[in-house]
Amino acid sequence: MKQESQTFEQSLARLEEIVKQMERGDVPLEQALSLFEEGTGLVGSCTKLLDEAELKVVQLTKGADGTPQETEFADGE
């Protein structure tokens, strides 16, 4: 599956798999480099998705005059 078509959760799960494989330390160098390259791509994809989500939140919380309004975060406790 291409990184662009994966959801944030799918990308994060794959990234966790890569980290586990590399932490074991039994991956051949060539495979480790390939996994590292895939992982850096996934990090970039996740960052982009998070940035887009943040932009949407900012757009949704604009006040009547168009400026963002900060509100206190309530964690439900």
PDB file of N, CA and C in Angstrom:
ATOM      1  N   MET A   1       0.846  -1.183   0.000  1.00  0.00           N
ATOM      2  CA  MET A   1       0.000   0.000   0.000  1.00  0.00           C
ATOM      3  C   MET A   1       0.889   1.243   0.000  1.00  0.00           C
ATOM      4  N   LYS A   2       0.567   2.186  -0.865  1.00  0.00           N
ATOM      5  CA  LYS A   2       1.350   3.417  -0.923  1.00  0.00           C
ATOM      6  C   LYS A   2       1.150   4.231   0.343  1.00  0.00           C
ATOM      7  N   GLN A   3       2.215   4.919   0.754  1.00  0.00           N
ATOM      8  CA  GLN A   3       2.152   5.719   1.974  1.00  0.00           C
ATOM      9  C   GLN A   3       1.099   6.811   1.882  1.00  0.00           C
ATOM     10  N   GLU A   4       0.894   7.389   0.689  1.00  0.00           N
ATOM     11  CA  GLU A   4      -0.056   8.477   0.536  1.00  0.00           C
ATOM     12  C   GLU A   4      -1.487   8.005   0.754  1.00  0.00           C
ATOM     13  N   SER A   5      -1.768   6.730   0.478  1.00  0.00           N
ATOM     14  CA  SER A   5      -3.133   6.242   0.599  1.00  0.00           C
ATOM     15  C   SER A   5      -3.410   5.612   1.960  1.00  0.00           C
ATOM     16  N   GLN A   6      -2.412   5.551   2.821  1.00  0.00           N
ATOM     17  CA  GLN A   6      -2.600   4.983   4.145  1.00  0.00           C
ATOM     18  C   GLN A   6      -3.174   6.025   5.093  1.00  0.00           C
ATOM     19  N   THR A   7      -3.962   5.549   6.039  1.00  0.00           N
ATOM     20  CA  THR A   7      -4.448   6.448   7.077  1.00  0.00           C
ATOM     21  C   THR A   7      -3.314   6.709   8.061  1.00  0.00           C
ATOM     22  N   PHE A   8      -3.527   7.692   8.918  1.00  0.00           N
ATOM     23  CA  PHE A   8      -2.530   8.001   9.941  1.00  0.00           C
ATOM     24  C   PHE A   8      -2.279   6.766  10.807  1.00  0.00           C
ATOM     25  N   GLU A   9      -3.362   6.103  11.198  1.00  0.00           N
ATOM     26  CA  GLU A   9      -3.252   4.941  12.075  1.00  0.00           C
ATOM     27  C   GLU A   9      -2.499   3.792  11.401  1.00  0.00           C
ATOM     28  N   GLN A  10      -2.740   3.581  10.107  1.00  0.00           N
ATOM     29  CA  GLN A  10      -2.024   2.532   9.373  1.00  0.00           C
ATOM     30  C   GLN A  10      -0.538   2.865   9.273  1.00  0.00           C
ATOM     31  N   SER A  11      -0.240   4.108   8.994  1.00  0.00           N
ATOM     32  CA  SER A  11       1.159   4.532   8.890  1.00  0.00           C
ATOM     33  C   SER A  11       1.872   4.386  10.230  1.00  0.00           C
ATOM     34  N   LEU A  12       1.203   4.778  11.294  1.00  0.00           N
ATOM     35  CA  LEU A  12       1.792   4.682  12.623  1.00  0.00           C
ATOM     36  C   LEU A  12       2.023   3.221  13.014  1.00  0.00           C
ATOM     37  N   ALA A  13       1.078   2.345  12.689  1.00  0.00           N
ATOM     38  CA  ALA A  13       1.224   0.923  12.998  1.00  0.00           C
ATOM     39  C   ALA A  13       2.411   0.334  12.234  1.00  0.00           C
ATOM     40  N   ARG A  14       2.552   0.697  10.964  1.00  0.00           N
ATOM     41  CA  ARG A  14       3.683   0.194  10.175  1.00  0.00           C
ATOM     42  C   ARG A  14       4.990   0.733  10.726  1.00  0.00           C
ATOM     43  N   LEU A  15       5.007   1.979  11.129  1.00  0.00           N
ATOM     44  CA  LEU A  15       6.204   2.578  11.707  1.00  0.00           C
ATOM     45  C   LEU A  15       6.601   1.845  12.988  1.00  0.00           C
ATOM     46  N   GLU A  16       5.631   1.479  13.800  1.00  0.00           N
ATOM     47  CA  GLU A  16       5.908   0.719  15.024  1.00  0.00           C
ATOM     48  C   GLU A  16       6.496  -0.658  14.698  1.00  0.00           C
ATOM     49  N   GLU A  17       5.990  -1.293  13.633  1.00  0.00           N
ATOM     50  CA  GLU A  17       6.538  -2.584  13.198  1.00  0.00           C
ATOM     51  C   GLU A  17       8.007  -2.433  12.798  1.00  0.00           C
ATOM     52  N   ILE A  18       8.296  -1.391  12.060  1.00  0.00           N
ATOM     53  CA  ILE A  18       9.666  -1.145  11.596  1.00  0.00           C
ATOM     54  C   ILE A  18      10.596  -0.946  12.783  1.00  0.00           C
ATOM     55  N   VAL A  19      10.162  -0.149  13.754  1.00  0.00           N
ATOM     56  CA  VAL A  19      10.981   0.116  14.940  1.00  0.00           C
ATOM     57  C   VAL A  19      11.271  -1.188  15.681  1.00  0.00           C
ATOM     58  N   LYS A  20      10.251  -2.027  15.856  1.00  0.00           N
ATOM     59  CA  LYS A  20      10.439  -3.300  16.555  1.00  0.00           C
ATOM     60  C   LYS A  20      11.457  -4.180  15.828  1.00  0.00           C
ATOM     61  N   GLN A  21      11.332  -4.255  14.491  1.00  0.00           N
ATOM     62  CA  GLN A  21      12.269  -5.050  13.708  1.00  0.00           C
ATOM     63  C   GLN A  21      13.697  -4.549  13.877  1.00  0.00           C
ATOM     64  N   MET A  22      13.869  -3.244  13.812  1.00  0.00           N
ATOM     65  CA  MET A  22      15.210  -2.688  13.886  1.00  0.00           C
ATOM     66  C   MET A  22      15.777  -2.767  15.303  1.00  0.00           C
ATOM     67  N   GLU A  23      14.915  -2.674  16.312  1.00  0.00           N
ATOM     68  CA  GLU A  23      15.393  -2.779  17.693  1.00  0.00           C
ATOM     69  C   GLU A  23      15.891  -4.173  18.029  1.00  0.00           C
ATOM     70  N   ARG A  24      15.348  -5.180  17.356  1.00  0.00           N
ATOM     71  CA  ARG A  24      15.819  -6.551  17.593  1.00  0.00           C
ATOM     72  C   ARG A  24      17.293  -6.689  17.234  1.00  0.00           C
ATOM     73  N   GLY A  25      17.719  -5.931  16.233  1.00  0.00           N
ATOM     74  CA  GLY A  25      19.128  -5.920  15.864  1.00  0.00           C
ATOM     75  C   GLY A  25      19.578  -7.081  14.992  1.00  0.00           C
ATOM     76  N   ASP A  26      18.648  -7.892  14.518  1.00  0.00           N
ATOM     77  CA  ASP A  26      19.025  -9.037  13.692  1.00  0.00           C
ATOM     78  C   ASP A  26      18.695  -8.852  12.206  1.00  0.00           C
ATOM     79  N   VAL A  27      18.427  -7.616  11.819  1.00  0.00           N
ATOM     80  CA  VAL A  27      18.097  -7.303  10.432  1.00  0.00           C
ATOM     81  C   VAL A  27      19.394  -7.031   9.671  1.00  0.00           C
ATOM     82  N   PRO A  28      19.577  -7.691   8.514  1.00  0.00           N
ATOM     83  CA  PRO A  28      20.775  -7.417   7.705  1.00  0.00           C
ATOM     84  C   PRO A  28      20.849  -5.934   7.315  1.00  0.00           C
ATOM     85  N   LEU A  29      22.054  -5.446   7.128  1.00  0.00           N
ATOM     86  CA  LEU A  29      22.282  -4.019   6.866  1.00  0.00           C
ATOM     87  C   LEU A  29      21.444  -3.500   5.708  1.00  0.00           C
ATOM     88  N   GLU A  30      21.410  -4.211   4.608  1.00  0.00           N
ATOM     89  CA  GLU A  30      20.670  -3.729   3.436  1.00  0.00           C
ATOM     90  C   GLU A  30      19.171  -3.604   3.751  1.00  0.00           C
ATOM     91  N   GLN A  31      18.628  -4.578   4.468  1.00  0.00           N
ATOM     92  CA  GLN A  31      17.217  -4.529   4.852  1.00  0.00           C
ATOM     93  C   GLN A  31      16.985  -3.413   5.870  1.00  0.00           C
ATOM     94  N   ALA A  32      17.928  -3.221   6.779  1.00  0.00           N
ATOM     95  CA  ALA A  32      17.807  -2.153   7.774  1.00  0.00           C
ATOM     96  C   ALA A  32      17.757  -0.788   7.096  1.00  0.00           C
ATOM     97  N   LEU A  33      18.584  -0.609   6.071  1.00  0.00           N
ATOM     98  CA  LEU A  33      18.573   0.664   5.338  1.00  0.00           C
ATOM     99  C   LEU A  33      17.244   0.865   4.620  1.00  0.00           C
ATOM    100  N   SER A  34      16.716  -0.214   4.053  1.00  0.00           N
ATOM    101  CA  SER A  34      15.423  -0.139   3.370  1.00  0.00           C
ATOM    102  C   SER A  34      14.312   0.191   4.364  1.00  0.00           C
ATOM    103  N   LEU A  35      14.347  -0.451   5.523  1.00  0.00           N
ATOM    104  CA  LEU A  35      13.351  -0.180   6.555  1.00  0.00           C
ATOM    105  C   LEU A  35      13.466   1.258   7.057  1.00  0.00           C
ATOM    106  N   PHE A  36      14.707   1.729   7.224  1.00  0.00           N
ATOM    107  CA  PHE A  36      14.933   3.103   7.672  1.00  0.00           C
ATOM    108  C   PHE A  36      14.354   4.090   6.659  1.00  0.00           C
ATOM    109  N   GLU A  37      14.586   3.826   5.385  1.00  0.00           N
ATOM    110  CA  GLU A  37      14.063   4.697   4.334  1.00  0.00           C
ATOM    111  C   GLU A  37      12.529   4.701   4.358  1.00  0.00           C
ATOM    112  N   GLU A  38      11.924   3.527   4.502  1.00  0.00           N
ATOM    113  CA  GLU A  38      10.469   3.448   4.583  1.00  0.00           C
ATOM    114  C   GLU A  38       9.967   4.203   5.812  1.00  0.00           C
ATOM    115  N   GLY A  39      10.661   4.028   6.926  1.00  0.00           N
ATOM    116  CA  GLY A  39      10.270   4.692   8.168  1.00  0.00           C
ATOM    117  C   GLY A  39      10.320   6.201   8.063  1.00  0.00           C
ATOM    118  N   THR A  40      11.361   6.731   7.440  1.00  0.00           N
ATOM    119  CA  THR A  40      11.449   8.191   7.308  1.00  0.00           C
ATOM    120  C   THR A  40      10.327   8.713   6.411  1.00  0.00           C
ATOM    121  N   GLY A  41       9.961   7.938   5.405  1.00  0.00           N
ATOM    122  CA  GLY A  41       8.825   8.322   4.564  1.00  0.00           C
ATOM    123  C   GLY A  41       7.526   8.330   5.354  1.00  0.00           C
ATOM    124  N   LEU A  42       7.360   7.325   6.209  1.00  0.00           N
ATOM    125  CA  LEU A  42       6.161   7.247   7.041  1.00  0.00           C
ATOM    126  C   LEU A  42       6.095   8.402   8.038  1.00  0.00           C
ATOM    127  N   VAL A  43       7.228   8.770   8.601  1.00  0.00           N
ATOM    128  CA  VAL A  43       7.267   9.905   9.533  1.00  0.00           C
ATOM    129  C   VAL A  43       6.829  11.178   8.799  1.00  0.00           C
ATOM    130  N   GLY A  44       7.326  11.357   7.596  1.00  0.00           N
ATOM    131  CA  GLY A  44       6.931  12.525   6.807  1.00  0.00           C
ATOM    132  C   GLY A  44       5.443  12.530   6.503  1.00  0.00           C
ATOM    133  N   SER A  45       4.916  11.367   6.157  1.00  0.00           N
ATOM    134  CA  SER A  45       3.496  11.241   5.867  1.00  0.00           C
ATOM    135  C   SER A  45       2.658  11.530   7.111  1.00  0.00           C
ATOM    136  N   CYS A  46       3.057  10.980   8.244  1.00  0.00           N
ATOM    137  CA  CYS A  46       2.328  11.224   9.500  1.00  0.00           C
ATOM    138  C   CYS A  46       2.378  12.698   9.877  1.00  0.00           C
ATOM    139  N   THR A  47       3.521  13.314   9.717  1.00  0.00           N
ATOM    140  CA  THR A  47       3.668  14.735  10.027  1.00  0.00           C
ATOM    141  C   THR A  47       2.742  15.574   9.154  1.00  0.00           C
ATOM    142  N   LYS A  48       2.689  15.245   7.876  1.00  0.00           N
ATOM    143  CA  LYS A  48       1.823  15.975   6.955  1.00  0.00           C
ATOM    144  C   LYS A  48       0.354  15.831   7.370  1.00  0.00           C
ATOM    145  N   LEU A  49      -0.058  14.603   7.703  1.00  0.00           N
ATOM    146  CA  LEU A  49      -1.437  14.375   8.126  1.00  0.00           C
ATOM    147  C   LEU A  49      -1.767  15.128   9.413  1.00  0.00           C
ATOM    148  N   LEU A  50      -0.834  15.155  10.353  1.00  0.00           N
ATOM    149  CA  LEU A  50      -1.052  15.893  11.601  1.00  0.00           C
ATOM    150  C   LEU A  50      -1.136  17.399  11.354  1.00  0.00           C
ATOM    151  N   ASP A  51      -0.280  17.901  10.467  1.00  0.00           N
ATOM    152  CA  ASP A  51      -0.319  19.331  10.134  1.00  0.00           C
ATOM    153  C   ASP A  51      -1.655  19.704   9.496  1.00  0.00           C
ATOM    154  N   GLU A  52      -2.153  18.836   8.604  1.00  0.00           N
ATOM    155  CA  GLU A  52      -3.440  19.094   7.961  1.00  0.00           C
ATOM    156  C   GLU A  52      -4.572  19.078   8.983  1.00  0.00           C
ATOM    157  N   ALA A  53      -4.512  18.145   9.916  1.00  0.00           N
ATOM    158  CA  ALA A  53      -5.539  18.067  10.958  1.00  0.00           C
ATOM    159  C   ALA A  53      -5.502  19.314  11.836  1.00  0.00           C
ATOM    160  N   GLU A  54      -4.302  19.777  12.173  1.00  0.00           N
ATOM    161  CA  GLU A  54      -4.172  20.980  12.989  1.00  0.00           C
ATOM    162  C   GLU A  54      -4.757  22.191  12.267  1.00  0.00           C
ATOM    163  N   LEU A  55      -4.496  22.289  10.961  1.00  0.00           N
ATOM    164  CA  LEU A  55      -5.034  23.403  10.179  1.00  0.00           C
ATOM    165  C   LEU A  55      -6.556  23.378  10.191  1.00  0.00           C
ATOM    166  N   LYS A  56      -7.144  22.190  10.058  1.00  0.00           N
ATOM    167  CA  LYS A  56      -8.603  22.085  10.098  1.00  0.00           C
ATOM    168  C   LYS A  56      -9.151  22.532  11.448  1.00  0.00           C
ATOM    169  N   VAL A  57      -8.479  22.141  12.517  1.00  0.00           N
ATOM    170  CA  VAL A  57      -8.926  22.536  13.858  1.00  0.00           C
ATOM    171  C   VAL A  57      -8.873  24.050  14.001  1.00  0.00           C
ATOM    172  N   VAL A  58      -7.797  24.654  13.526  1.00  0.00           N
ATOM    173  CA  VAL A  58      -7.669  26.114  13.596  1.00  0.00           C
ATOM    174  C   VAL A  58      -8.775  26.780  12.786  1.00  0.00           C
ATOM    175  N   GLN A  59      -9.054  26.254  11.605  1.00  0.00           N
ATOM    176  CA  GLN A  59     -10.107  26.835  10.768  1.00  0.00           C
ATOM    177  C   GLN A  59     -11.474  26.698  11.432  1.00  0.00           C
ATOM    178  N   LEU A  60     -11.698  25.588  12.108  1.00  0.00           N
ATOM    179  CA  LEU A  60     -12.986  25.360  12.754  1.00  0.00           C
ATOM    180  C   LEU A  60     -13.166  26.188  14.016  1.00  0.00           C
ATOM    181  N   THR A  61     -12.083  26.684  14.586  1.00  0.00           N
ATOM    182  CA  THR A  61     -12.183  27.441  15.837  1.00  0.00           C
ATOM    183  C   THR A  61     -12.014  28.943  15.633  1.00  0.00           C
ATOM    184  N   LYS A  62     -12.145  29.399  14.409  1.00  0.00           N
ATOM    185  CA  LYS A  62     -12.055  30.841  14.169  1.00  0.00           C
ATOM    186  C   LYS A  62     -13.272  31.545  14.745  1.00  0.00           C
ATOM    187  N   GLY A  63     -13.016  32.720  15.237  1.00  0.00           N
ATOM    188  CA  GLY A  63     -14.093  33.532  15.794  1.00  0.00           C
ATOM    189  C   GLY A  63     -14.850  34.253  14.694  1.00  0.00           C
ATOM    190  N   ALA A  64     -15.824  35.038  15.095  1.00  0.00           N
ATOM    191  CA  ALA A  64     -16.663  35.775  14.152  1.00  0.00           C
ATOM    192  C   ALA A  64     -15.847  36.734  13.293  1.00  0.00           C
ATOM    193  N   ASP A  65     -14.773  37.282  13.858  1.00  0.00           N
ATOM    194  CA  ASP A  65     -13.948  38.231  13.112  1.00  0.00           C
ATOM    195  C   ASP A  65     -12.859  37.543  12.287  1.00  0.00           C
ATOM    196  N   GLY A  66     -12.836  36.200  12.302  1.00  0.00           N
ATOM    197  CA  GLY A  66     -11.873  35.458  11.490  1.00  0.00           C
ATOM    198  C   GLY A  66     -10.580  35.113  12.192  1.00  0.00           C
ATOM    199  N   THR A  67     -10.397  35.620  13.399  1.00  0.00           N
ATOM    200  CA  THR A  67      -9.174  35.289  14.125  1.00  0.00           C
ATOM    201  C   THR A  67      -9.395  34.018  14.950  1.00  0.00           C
ATOM    202  N   PRO A  68      -8.364  33.221  15.091  1.00  0.00           N
ATOM    203  CA  PRO A  68      -8.526  31.999  15.891  1.00  0.00           C
ATOM    204  C   PRO A  68      -8.823  32.325  17.352  1.00  0.00           C
ATOM    205  N   GLN A  69      -9.706  31.554  17.928  1.00  0.00           N
ATOM    206  CA  GLN A  69     -10.035  31.728  19.316  1.00  0.00           C
ATOM    207  C   GLN A  69      -9.486  30.538  20.098  1.00  0.00           C
ATOM    208  N   GLU A  70      -8.678  30.815  21.087  1.00  0.00           N
ATOM    209  CA  GLU A  70      -8.129  29.746  21.920  1.00  0.00           C
ATOM    210  C   GLU A  70      -9.133  29.406  23.006  1.00  0.00           C
ATOM    211  N   THR A  71      -9.335  28.124  23.176  1.00  0.00           N
ATOM    212  CA  THR A  71     -10.212  27.666  24.251  1.00  0.00           C
ATOM    213  C   THR A  71      -9.452  26.672  25.108  1.00  0.00           C
ATOM    214  N   GLU A  72      -9.836  26.596  26.344  1.00  0.00           N
ATOM    215  CA  GLU A  72      -9.195  25.674  27.279  1.00  0.00           C
ATOM    216  C   GLU A  72      -9.559  24.252  26.881  1.00  0.00           C
ATOM    217  N   PHE A  73      -8.579  23.366  26.861  1.00  0.00           N
ATOM    218  CA  PHE A  73      -8.819  21.971  26.525  1.00  0.00           C
ATOM    219  C   PHE A  73      -9.387  21.254  27.739  1.00  0.00           C
ATOM    220  N   ALA A  74     -10.513  20.590  27.555  1.00  0.00           N
ATOM    221  CA  ALA A  74     -11.114  19.804  28.636  1.00  0.00           C
ATOM    222  C   ALA A  74     -10.898  18.334  28.318  1.00  0.00           C
ATOM    223  N   ASP A  75     -10.202  17.640  29.190  1.00  0.00           N
ATOM    224  CA  ASP A  75      -9.885  16.237  28.918  1.00  0.00           C
ATOM    225  C   ASP A  75     -10.945  15.276  29.418  1.00  0.00           C
ATOM    226  N   GLY A  76     -12.061  15.753  29.877  1.00  0.00           N
ATOM    227  CA  GLY A  76     -13.157  14.896  30.294  1.00  0.00           C
ATOM    228  C   GLY A  76     -13.067  14.402  31.717  1.00  0.00           C
ATOM    229  N   GLU A  77     -12.070  14.815  32.457  1.00  0.00           N
ATOM    230  CA  GLU A  77     -11.943  14.358  33.843  1.00  0.00           C
ATOM    231  C   GLU A  77     -12.511  15.374  34.802  1.00  0.00           C
TER     232      GLU A  77
END
